[in-house]
Protein backbone atom coordinates (compact mmCIF):
# COMPACT_ATOMS: atom_id res chain seq x y z
CA MET A 1 25.34 -51.32 1.60
CA ARG A 2 28.60 -52.41 3.40
CA LYS A 3 31.21 -49.95 4.86
CA VAL A 4 34.99 -49.44 4.98
CA LYS A 5 37.03 -47.09 6.24
CA LYS A 6 39.55 -44.69 4.69
CA ASP A 7 41.38 -42.01 6.05
CA GLY A 8 38.94 -42.35 9.27
CA GLU A 9 35.92 -41.64 6.94
CA ASP A 10 32.86 -44.28 6.28
CA VAL A 11 32.98 -44.94 2.71
CA SER A 12 29.86 -46.99 1.60
CA LEU A 13 30.30 -49.79 -0.63
CA THR A 14 27.80 -52.22 -3.06
CA LEU A 15 28.21 -55.63 -2.20
CA LYS A 16 29.75 -56.40 -5.53
CA GLU A 17 32.25 -53.65 -4.60
CA PHE A 18 33.00 -54.72 -1.24
CA VAL A 19 33.39 -58.61 -2.33
CA LEU A 20 36.25 -57.41 -4.92
CA LEU A 21 38.10 -55.21 -2.62
CA GLU A 22 38.06 -57.89 -0.10
CA TYR A 23 39.50 -60.44 -2.96
CA PHE A 24 42.02 -57.71 -3.77
CA MET A 25 43.27 -57.46 -0.17
CA ARG A 26 43.61 -61.08 0.32
CA ASN A 27 45.49 -61.44 -2.73
CA PRO A 28 48.08 -58.13 -2.43
CA ASN A 29 50.45 -57.97 -5.34
CA LYS A 30 49.25 -60.44 -7.19
CA VAL A 31 47.69 -59.64 -11.08
CA ILE A 32 44.38 -61.20 -10.75
CA ASN A 33 42.70 -61.71 -14.56
CA ARG A 34 39.14 -60.72 -15.10
CA GLU A 35 38.42 -64.15 -15.78
CA GLU A 36 39.31 -65.12 -11.75
CA LEU A 37 37.43 -62.17 -10.69
CA LEU A 38 34.15 -62.63 -12.80
CA GLY A 39 34.23 -66.47 -11.28
CA HIS A 40 34.80 -64.97 -7.64
CA LEU A 41 32.02 -62.43 -8.05
CA TRP A 42 29.23 -64.64 -9.86
CA ASP A 43 28.20 -67.94 -9.72
CA PHE A 44 27.59 -68.60 -12.98
CA ASN A 45 29.12 -67.80 -16.57
CA TYR A 46 29.33 -64.40 -17.22
CA SER A 47 30.44 -63.11 -20.66
CA SER A 48 34.03 -62.49 -20.55
CA PHE A 49 33.79 -59.54 -22.99
CA SER A 50 31.64 -57.75 -21.04
CA ASN A 51 33.05 -55.01 -18.93
CA VAL A 52 31.12 -55.19 -16.01
CA ILE A 53 34.44 -55.96 -13.92
CA ASP A 54 36.03 -52.69 -15.40
CA VAL A 55 32.98 -50.89 -14.20
CA HIS A 56 33.14 -52.29 -10.65
CA VAL A 57 36.83 -51.45 -10.34
CA LYS A 58 36.28 -47.94 -12.02
CA ASN A 59 33.36 -47.32 -9.06
CA LEU A 60 35.51 -48.60 -6.36
CA ARG A 61 38.59 -46.47 -7.51
CA LYS A 62 36.36 -43.42 -7.49
CA LYS A 63 34.97 -44.03 -4.06
CA LEU A 64 38.38 -45.01 -2.29
CA GLY A 65 39.74 -41.74 -3.90
CA ASP A 66 41.54 -43.33 -6.30
CA GLY A 67 41.92 -41.18 -9.27
CA ASP A 68 45.04 -42.35 -10.80
CA PRO A 69 44.31 -45.44 -13.15
CA GLN A 70 48.14 -46.61 -11.73
CA GLY A 71 46.97 -45.86 -8.09
CA ILE A 72 46.29 -48.52 -5.10
CA LEU A 73 44.38 -50.36 -7.85
CA GLU A 74 46.80 -50.98 -10.46
CA THR A 75 45.57 -52.06 -14.42
CA VAL A 76 48.07 -54.44 -15.82
CA ARG A 77 47.39 -54.09 -19.55
CA GLY A 78 46.05 -57.29 -21.39
CA VAL A 79 46.07 -58.98 -17.88
CA GLY A 80 44.06 -57.65 -15.13
CA TYR A 81 44.27 -55.84 -12.01
CA ARG A 82 46.70 -55.82 -9.04
CA LEU A 83 46.22 -54.18 -5.25
CA LYS A 84 49.45 -52.63 -4.62
CA GLY A 85 50.58 -53.52 -1.33
């Protein structure tokens, strides 16, 4: 488990959630497509038709208290996701 702080409170993240958040933070305001995220999170070819990225983003949003689909982790329909800076 990895931990981050939000509003002074510890938030426990899985390794994949932590790596995903870190990648978004290193690329603020950049729309990142699912294939790029899959390539960053896994070292092997993973089916781009899988919803594994969507599930990790949903879990990350929930843990960060970002229930708004267009909140800090914005969904860019048909393209990917973006961390609003």
